[in-house]
Amino acid sequence: HVKGDAPDGCENWFVIIIAPNDKGQSWDQL
């Protein structure tokens, strides 16, 4: 919808999954 948010022929993806809050997990692995 927003013109200029990506170059022609491209798209800007914001991809989310739900995760727990931080309790010291190994986030690099997750």
PDB file of all heavy atoms in Angstrom:
ATOM      1  N   HIS A   1       0.815  -1.219   0.000  1.00  0.00           N
ATOM      2  CA  HIS A   1       0.000   0.000   0.000  1.00  0.00           C
ATOM      3  C   HIS A   1       0.846   1.266   0.000  1.00  0.00           C
ATOM      4  O   HIS A   1       0.508   2.236  -0.675  1.00  0.00           O
ATOM      5  CB  HIS A   1      -0.924   0.018   1.223  1.00  0.00           C
ATOM      6  CG  HIS A   1      -1.759   1.262   1.328  1.00  0.00           C
ATOM      7  ND1 HIS A   1      -2.940   1.425   0.635  1.00  0.00           N
ATOM      8  CD2 HIS A   1      -1.572   2.416   2.035  1.00  0.00           C
ATOM      9  CE1 HIS A   1      -3.451   2.623   0.905  1.00  0.00           C
ATOM     10  NE2 HIS A   1      -2.637   3.238   1.755  1.00  0.00           N
ATOM     11  N   VAL A   2       1.930   1.257   0.756  1.00  0.00           N
ATOM     12  CA  VAL A   2       2.734   2.465   0.932  1.00  0.00           C
ATOM     13  C   VAL A   2       3.808   2.527  -0.155  1.00  0.00           C
ATOM     14  O   VAL A   2       4.773   1.768  -0.133  1.00  0.00           O
ATOM     15  CB  VAL A   2       3.387   2.504   2.330  1.00  0.00           C
ATOM     16  CG1 VAL A   2       4.175   3.800   2.502  1.00  0.00           C
ATOM     17  CG2 VAL A   2       2.334   2.350   3.419  1.00  0.00           C
ATOM     18  N   LYS A   3       3.606   3.414  -1.094  1.00  0.00           N
ATOM     19  CA  LYS A   3       4.555   3.548  -2.196  1.00  0.00           C
ATOM     20  C   LYS A   3       5.894   4.059  -1.665  1.00  0.00           C
ATOM     21  O   LYS A   3       5.948   4.973  -0.859  1.00  0.00           O
ATOM     22  CB  LYS A   3       4.018   4.515  -3.253  1.00  0.00           C
ATOM     23  CG  LYS A   3       2.664   4.120  -3.813  1.00  0.00           C
ATOM     24  CD  LYS A   3       2.673   2.705  -4.409  1.00  0.00           C
ATOM     25  CE  LYS A   3       1.309   2.300  -4.939  1.00  0.00           C
ATOM     26  NZ  LYS A   3       1.289   0.890  -5.395  1.00  0.00           N
ATOM     27  N   GLY A   4       6.950   3.445  -2.113  1.00  0.00           N
ATOM     28  CA  GLY A   4       8.276   3.848  -1.672  1.00  0.00           C
ATOM     29  C   GLY A   4       8.825   3.038  -0.523  1.00  0.00           C
ATOM     30  O   GLY A   4       9.987   3.213  -0.136  1.00  0.00           O
ATOM     31  N   ASP A   5       8.007   2.133   0.043  1.00  0.00           N
ATOM     32  CA  ASP A   5       8.509   1.299   1.138  1.00  0.00           C
ATOM     33  C   ASP A   5       9.448   0.201   0.652  1.00  0.00           C
ATOM     34  O   ASP A   5      10.139  -0.433   1.453  1.00  0.00           O
ATOM     35  CB  ASP A   5       7.349   0.685   1.923  1.00  0.00           C
ATOM     36  CG  ASP A   5       6.879   1.583   3.057  1.00  0.00           C
ATOM     37  OD1 ASP A   5       7.376   2.720   3.147  1.00  0.00           O
ATOM     38  OD2 ASP A   5       6.021   1.155   3.858  1.00  0.00           O
ATOM     39  N   ALA A   6       9.450  -0.037  -0.660  1.00  0.00           N
ATOM     40  CA  ALA A   6      10.376  -1.003  -1.251  1.00  0.00           C
ATOM     41  C   ALA A   6      10.640  -0.586  -2.691  1.00  0.00           C
ATOM     42  O   ALA A   6       9.772   0.017  -3.334  1.00  0.00           O
ATOM     43  CB  ALA A   6       9.796  -2.417  -1.207  1.00  0.00           C
ATOM     44  N   PRO A   7      11.814  -0.888  -3.224  1.00  0.00           N
ATOM     45  CA  PRO A   7      12.099  -0.587  -4.629  1.00  0.00           C
ATOM     46  C   PRO A   7      11.150  -1.342  -5.562  1.00  0.00           C
ATOM     47  O   PRO A   7      10.516  -2.333  -5.165  1.00  0.00           O
ATOM     48  CB  PRO A   7      13.545  -1.064  -4.808  1.00  0.00           C
ATOM     49  CG  PRO A   7      14.114  -1.114  -3.430  1.00  0.00           C
ATOM     50  CD  PRO A   7      12.970  -1.480  -2.528  1.00  0.00           C
ATOM     51  N   ASP A   8      11.035  -0.896  -6.783  1.00  0.00           N
ATOM     52  CA  ASP A   8      10.191  -1.583  -7.767  1.00  0.00           C
ATOM     53  C   ASP A   8      10.597  -3.045  -7.882  1.00  0.00           C
ATOM     54  O   ASP A   8      11.782  -3.379  -7.931  1.00  0.00           O
ATOM     55  CB  ASP A   8      10.328  -0.914  -9.142  1.00  0.00           C
ATOM     56  CG  ASP A   8       9.698   0.474  -9.186  1.00  0.00           C
ATOM     57  OD1 ASP A   8       8.886   0.776  -8.284  1.00  0.00           O
ATOM     58  OD2 ASP A   8      10.024   1.245 -10.105  1.00  0.00           O
ATOM     59  N   GLY A   9       9.590  -3.909  -7.899  1.00  0.00           N
ATOM     60  CA  GLY A   9       9.849  -5.335  -8.020  1.00  0.00           C
ATOM     61  C   GLY A   9      10.303  -5.987  -6.729  1.00  0.00           C
ATOM     62  O   GLY A   9      10.751  -7.142  -6.749  1.00  0.00           O
ATOM     63  N   CYS A  10      10.156  -5.279  -5.610  1.00  0.00           N
ATOM     64  CA  CYS A  10      10.570  -5.825  -4.318  1.00  0.00           C
ATOM     65  C   CYS A  10       9.485  -5.567  -3.267  1.00  0.00           C
ATOM     66  O   CYS A  10       8.544  -4.807  -3.496  1.00  0.00           O
ATOM     67  CB  CYS A  10      11.876  -5.185  -3.854  1.00  0.00           C
ATOM     68  SG  CYS A  10      13.289  -5.500  -4.932  1.00  0.00           S
ATOM     69  N   GLU A  11       9.624  -6.219  -2.114  1.00  0.00           N
ATOM     70  CA  GLU A  11       8.672  -6.048  -1.016  1.00  0.00           C
ATOM     71  C   GLU A  11       9.414  -6.018   0.318  1.00  0.00           C
ATOM     72  O   GLU A  11      10.491  -6.614   0.456  1.00  0.00           O
ATOM     73  CB  GLU A  11       7.664  -7.204  -1.004  1.00  0.00           C
ATOM     74  CG  GLU A  11       6.766  -7.259  -2.224  1.00  0.00           C
ATOM     75  CD  GLU A  11       5.897  -8.510  -2.280  1.00  0.00           C
ATOM     76  OE1 GLU A  11       6.234  -9.502  -1.592  1.00  0.00           O
ATOM     77  OE2 GLU A  11       4.897  -8.488  -3.019  1.00  0.00           O
ATOM     78  N   ASN A  12       8.813  -5.323   1.287  1.00  0.00           N
ATOM     79  CA  ASN A  12       9.380  -5.297   2.647  1.00  0.00           C
ATOM     80  C   ASN A  12       8.547  -6.207   3.549  1.00  0.00           C
ATOM     81  O   ASN A  12       7.410  -5.914   3.846  1.00  0.00           O
ATOM     82  CB  ASN A  12       9.424  -3.868   3.188  1.00  0.00           C
ATOM     83  CG  ASN A  12       8.043  -3.229   3.307  1.00  0.00           C
ATOM     84  OD1 ASN A  12       7.094  -3.626   2.623  1.00  0.00           O
ATOM     85  ND2 ASN A  12       7.908  -2.240   4.169  1.00  0.00           N
ATOM     86  N   TRP A  13       9.110  -7.302   3.984  1.00  0.00           N
ATOM     87  CA  TRP A  13       8.394  -8.275   4.800  1.00  0.00           C
ATOM     88  C   TRP A  13       8.787  -8.098   6.271  1.00  0.00           C
ATOM     89  O   TRP A  13       9.970  -8.077   6.613  1.00  0.00           O
ATOM     90  CB  TRP A  13       8.750  -9.697   4.394  1.00  0.00           C
ATOM     91  CG  TRP A  13       8.171 -10.161   3.093  1.00  0.00           C
ATOM     92  CD1 TRP A  13       7.816  -9.405   2.021  1.00  0.00           C
ATOM     93  CD2 TRP A  13       7.921 -11.525   2.721  1.00  0.00           C
ATOM     94  NE1 TRP A  13       7.362 -10.200   0.995  1.00  0.00           N
ATOM     95  CE2 TRP A  13       7.410 -11.509   1.400  1.00  0.00           C
ATOM     96  CE3 TRP A  13       8.088 -12.744   3.358  1.00  0.00           C
ATOM     97  CZ2 TRP A  13       7.066 -12.670   0.721  1.00  0.00           C
ATOM     98  CZ3 TRP A  13       7.749 -13.907   2.693  1.00  0.00           C
ATOM     99  CH2 TRP A  13       7.231 -13.873   1.387  1.00  0.00           C
ATOM    100  N   PHE A  14       7.776  -7.979   7.101  1.00  0.00           N
ATOM    101  CA  PHE A  14       7.966  -8.023   8.560  1.00  0.00           C
ATOM    102  C   PHE A  14       7.287  -9.308   9.013  1.00  0.00           C
ATOM    103  O   PHE A  14       6.065  -9.428   8.971  1.00  0.00           O
ATOM    104  CB  PHE A  14       7.349  -6.788   9.204  1.00  0.00           C
ATOM    105  CG  PHE A  14       7.438  -6.737  10.710  1.00  0.00           C
ATOM    106  CD1 PHE A  14       8.396  -7.443  11.415  1.00  0.00           C
ATOM    107  CD2 PHE A  14       6.547  -5.946  11.428  1.00  0.00           C
ATOM    108  CE1 PHE A  14       8.479  -7.386  12.807  1.00  0.00           C
ATOM    109  CE2 PHE A  14       6.614  -5.871  12.817  1.00  0.00           C
ATOM    110  CZ  PHE A  14       7.573  -6.594  13.498  1.00  0.00           C
ATOM    111  N   VAL A  15       8.088 -10.291   9.423  1.00  0.00           N
ATOM    112  CA  VAL A  15       7.602 -11.642   9.717  1.00  0.00           C
ATOM    113  C   VAL A  15       7.725 -11.891  11.221  1.00  0.00           C
ATOM    114  O   VAL A  15       8.812 -11.741  11.792  1.00  0.00           O
ATOM    115  CB  VAL A  15       8.402 -12.696   8.927  1.00  0.00           C
ATOM    116  CG1 VAL A  15       7.886 -14.097   9.211  1.00  0.00           C
ATOM    117  CG2 VAL A  15       8.333 -12.391   7.428  1.00  0.00           C
ATOM    118  N   ILE A  16       6.616 -12.280  11.850  1.00  0.00           N
ATOM    119  CA  ILE A  16       6.590 -12.438  13.306  1.00  0.00           C
ATOM    120  C   ILE A  16       6.081 -13.814  13.701  1.00  0.00           C
ATOM    121  O   ILE A  16       5.122 -14.321  13.109  1.00  0.00           O
ATOM    122  CB  ILE A  16       5.663 -11.382  13.954  1.00  0.00           C
ATOM    123  CG1 ILE A  16       6.179  -9.972  13.725  1.00  0.00           C
ATOM    124  CG2 ILE A  16       5.499 -11.635  15.451  1.00  0.00           C
ATOM    125  CD1 ILE A  16       5.243  -8.897  14.234  1.00  0.00           C
ATOM    126  N   ILE A  17       6.715 -14.389  14.715  1.00  0.00           N
ATOM    127  CA  ILE A  17       6.117 -15.520  15.419  1.00  0.00           C
ATOM    128  C   ILE A  17       6.070 -15.162  16.902  1.00  0.00           C
ATOM    129  O   ILE A  17       6.875 -14.366  17.391  1.00  0.00           O
ATOM    130  CB  ILE A  17       6.879 -16.845  15.217  1.00  0.00           C
ATOM    131  CG1 ILE A  17       8.254 -16.793  15.895  1.00  0.00           C
ATOM    132  CG2 ILE A  17       7.005 -17.190  13.746  1.00  0.00           C
ATOM    133  CD1 ILE A  17       8.895 -18.161  16.051  1.00  0.00           C
ATOM    134  N   ILE A  18       5.117 -15.741  17.597  1.00  0.00           N
ATOM    135  CA  ILE A  18       5.007 -15.505  19.033  1.00  0.00           C
ATOM    136  C   ILE A  18       6.121 -16.263  19.742  1.00  0.00           C
ATOM    137  O   ILE A  18       6.498 -17.375  19.349  1.00  0.00           O
ATOM    138  CB  ILE A  18       3.616 -15.920  19.547  1.00  0.00           C
ATOM    139  CG1 ILE A  18       3.419 -15.473  20.997  1.00  0.00           C
ATOM    140  CG2 ILE A  18       3.383 -17.412  19.376  1.00  0.00           C
ATOM    141  CD1 ILE A  18       1.991 -15.682  21.496  1.00  0.00           C
ATOM    142  N   ALA A  19       6.668 -15.637  20.784  1.00  0.00           N
ATOM    143  CA  ALA A  19       7.777 -16.233  21.534  1.00  0.00           C
ATOM    144  C   ALA A  19       7.578 -15.943  23.012  1.00  0.00           C
ATOM    145  O   ALA A  19       6.846 -15.019  23.382  1.00  0.00           O
ATOM    146  CB  ALA A  19       9.113 -15.661  21.059  1.00  0.00           C
ATOM    147  N   PRO A  20       8.221 -16.694  23.883  1.00  0.00           N
ATOM    148  CA  PRO A  20       8.135 -16.390  25.323  1.00  0.00           C
ATOM    149  C   PRO A  20       8.921 -15.134  25.640  1.00  0.00           C
ATOM    150  O   PRO A  20       9.763 -14.688  24.850  1.00  0.00           O
ATOM    151  CB  PRO A  20       8.764 -17.622  25.973  1.00  0.00           C
ATOM    152  CG  PRO A  20       9.732 -18.117  24.947  1.00  0.00           C
ATOM    153  CD  PRO A  20       9.081 -17.863  23.617  1.00  0.00           C
ATOM    154  N   ASN A  21       8.665 -14.548  26.797  1.00  0.00           N
ATOM    155  CA  ASN A  21       9.524 -13.446  27.227  1.00  0.00           C
ATOM    156  C   ASN A  21      10.880 -14.007  27.656  1.00  0.00           C
ATOM    157  O   ASN A  21      11.077 -15.221  27.711  1.00  0.00           O
ATOM    158  CB  ASN A  21       8.851 -12.588  28.306  1.00  0.00           C
ATOM    159  CG  ASN A  21       8.438 -13.386  29.527  1.00  0.00           C
ATOM    160  OD1 ASN A  21       9.242 -14.098  30.116  1.00  0.00           O
ATOM    161  ND2 ASN A  21       7.172 -13.278  29.912  1.00  0.00           N
ATOM    162  N   ASP A  22      11.803 -13.108  27.912  1.00  0.00           N
ATOM    163  CA  ASP A  22      13.196 -13.514  28.127  1.00  0.00           C
ATOM    164  C   ASP A  22      13.443 -14.028  29.533  1.00  0.00           C
ATOM    165  O   ASP A  22      13.302 -13.293  30.507  1.00  0.00           O
ATOM    166  CB  ASP A  22      14.108 -12.319  27.838  1.00  0.00           C
ATOM    167  CG  ASP A  22      15.573 -12.677  27.952  1.00  0.00           C
ATOM    168  OD1 ASP A  22      15.910 -13.859  27.743  1.00  0.00           O
ATOM    169  OD2 ASP A  22      16.383 -11.780  28.256  1.00  0.00           O
ATOM    170  N   LYS A  23      13.802 -15.290  29.610  1.00  0.00           N
ATOM    171  CA  LYS A  23      14.199 -15.894  30.883  1.00  0.00           C
ATOM    172  C   LYS A  23      15.595 -16.519  30.766  1.00  0.00           C
ATOM    173  O   LYS A  23      15.906 -17.490  31.433  1.00  0.00           O
ATOM    174  CB  LYS A  23      13.177 -16.945  31.317  1.00  0.00           C
ATOM    175  CG  LYS A  23      11.795 -16.380  31.642  1.00  0.00           C
ATOM    176  CD  LYS A  23      10.861 -17.471  32.121  1.00  0.00           C
ATOM    177  CE  LYS A  23       9.514 -16.904  32.568  1.00  0.00           C
ATOM    178  NZ  LYS A  23       8.750 -16.335  31.432  1.00  0.00           N
ATOM    179  N   GLY A  24      16.396 -15.956  29.855  1.00  0.00           N
ATOM    180  CA  GLY A  24      17.761 -16.444  29.687  1.00  0.00           C
ATOM    181  C   GLY A  24      17.892 -17.583  28.697  1.00  0.00           C
ATOM    182  O   GLY A  24      18.911 -18.305  28.709  1.00  0.00           O
ATOM    183  N   GLN A  25      16.904 -17.768  27.816  1.00  0.00           N
ATOM    184  CA  GLN A  25      16.986 -18.823  26.814  1.00  0.00           C
ATOM    185  C   GLN A  25      18.142 -18.567  25.848  1.00  0.00           C
ATOM    186  O   GLN A  25      18.665 -17.451  25.750  1.00  0.00           O
ATOM    187  CB  GLN A  25      15.665 -18.897  26.006  1.00  0.00           C
ATOM    188  CG  GLN A  25      14.432 -19.243  26.806  1.00  0.00           C
ATOM    189  CD  GLN A  25      13.666 -18.039  27.298  1.00  0.00           C
ATOM    190  OE1 GLN A  25      14.263 -17.017  27.635  1.00  0.00           O
ATOM    191  NE2 GLN A  25      12.346 -18.145  27.327  1.00  0.00           N
ATOM    192  N   SER A  26      18.497 -19.585  25.111  1.00  0.00           N
ATOM    193  CA  SER A  26      19.539 -19.457  24.092  1.00  0.00           C
ATOM    194  C   SER A  26      18.885 -18.904  22.825  1.00  0.00           C
ATOM    195  O   SER A  26      18.409 -19.663  21.970  1.00  0.00           O
ATOM    196  CB  SER A  26      20.184 -20.817  23.810  1.00  0.00           C
ATOM    197  OG  SER A  26      21.137 -20.701  22.770  1.00  0.00           O
ATOM    198  N   TRP A  27      18.864 -17.593  22.705  1.00  0.00           N
ATOM    199  CA  TRP A  27      18.094 -16.957  21.637  1.00  0.00           C
ATOM    200  C   TRP A  27      18.708 -17.149  20.263  1.00  0.00           C
ATOM    201  O   TRP A  27      17.985 -17.199  19.258  1.00  0.00           O
ATOM    202  CB  TRP A  27      17.874 -15.483  21.962  1.00  0.00           C
ATOM    203  CG  TRP A  27      16.897 -15.331  23.086  1.00  0.00           C
ATOM    204  CD1 TRP A  27      17.165 -14.998  24.382  1.00  0.00           C
ATOM    205  CD2 TRP A  27      15.483 -15.587  23.028  1.00  0.00           C
ATOM    206  NE1 TRP A  27      16.015 -15.012  25.132  1.00  0.00           N
ATOM    207  CE2 TRP A  27      14.967 -15.366  24.335  1.00  0.00           C
ATOM    208  CE3 TRP A  27      14.610 -15.973  22.011  1.00  0.00           C
ATOM    209  CZ2 TRP A  27      13.616 -15.522  24.636  1.00  0.00           C
ATOM    210  CZ3 TRP A  27      13.260 -16.132  22.303  1.00  0.00           C
ATOM    211  CH2 TRP A  27      12.780 -15.904  23.602  1.00  0.00           C
ATOM    212  N   ASP A  28      20.005 -17.259  20.165  1.00  0.00           N
ATOM    213  CA  ASP A  28      20.620 -17.518  18.860  1.00  0.00           C
ATOM    214  C   ASP A  28      20.099 -18.839  18.287  1.00  0.00           C
ATOM    215  O   ASP A  28      19.782 -18.932  17.091  1.00  0.00           O
ATOM    216  CB  ASP A  28      22.138 -17.560  18.975  1.00  0.00           C
ATOM    217  CG  ASP A  28      22.742 -16.183  19.195  1.00  0.00           C
ATOM    218  OD1 ASP A  28      22.036 -15.180  18.952  1.00  0.00           O
ATOM    219  OD2 ASP A  28      23.922 -16.109  19.613  1.00  0.00           O
ATOM    220  N   GLN A  29      20.018 -19.853  19.137  1.00  0.00           N
ATOM    221  CA  GLN A  29      19.509 -21.152  18.686  1.00  0.00           C
ATOM    222  C   GLN A  29      18.028 -21.069  18.341  1.00  0.00           C
ATOM    223  O   GLN A  29      17.582 -21.641  17.342  1.00  0.00           O
ATOM    224  CB  GLN A  29      19.748 -22.209  19.767  1.00  0.00           C
ATOM    225  CG  GLN A  29      21.212 -22.543  19.996  1.00  0.00           C
ATOM    226  CD  GLN A  29      21.398 -23.611  21.072  1.00  0.00           C
ATOM    227  OE1 GLN A  29      20.443 -24.262  21.496  1.00  0.00           O
ATOM    228  NE2 GLN A  29      22.636 -23.795  21.515  1.00  0.00           N
ATOM    229  N   LEU A  30      17.260 -20.346  19.157  1.00  0.00           N
ATOM    230  CA  LEU A  30      15.832 -20.229  18.898  1.00  0.00           C
ATOM    231  C   LEU A  30      15.561 -19.451  17.617  1.00  0.00           C
ATOM    232  O   LEU A  30      14.634 -19.778  16.861  1.00  0.00           O
ATOM    233  CB  LEU A  30      15.121 -19.577  20.082  1.00  0.00           C
ATOM    234  CG  LEU A  30      15.035 -20.419  21.357  1.00  0.00           C
ATOM    235  CD1 LEU A  30      14.351 -19.636  22.475  1.00  0.00           C
ATOM    236  CD2 LEU A  30      14.287 -21.729  21.098  1.00  0.00           C
TER     237      LEU A  30
END
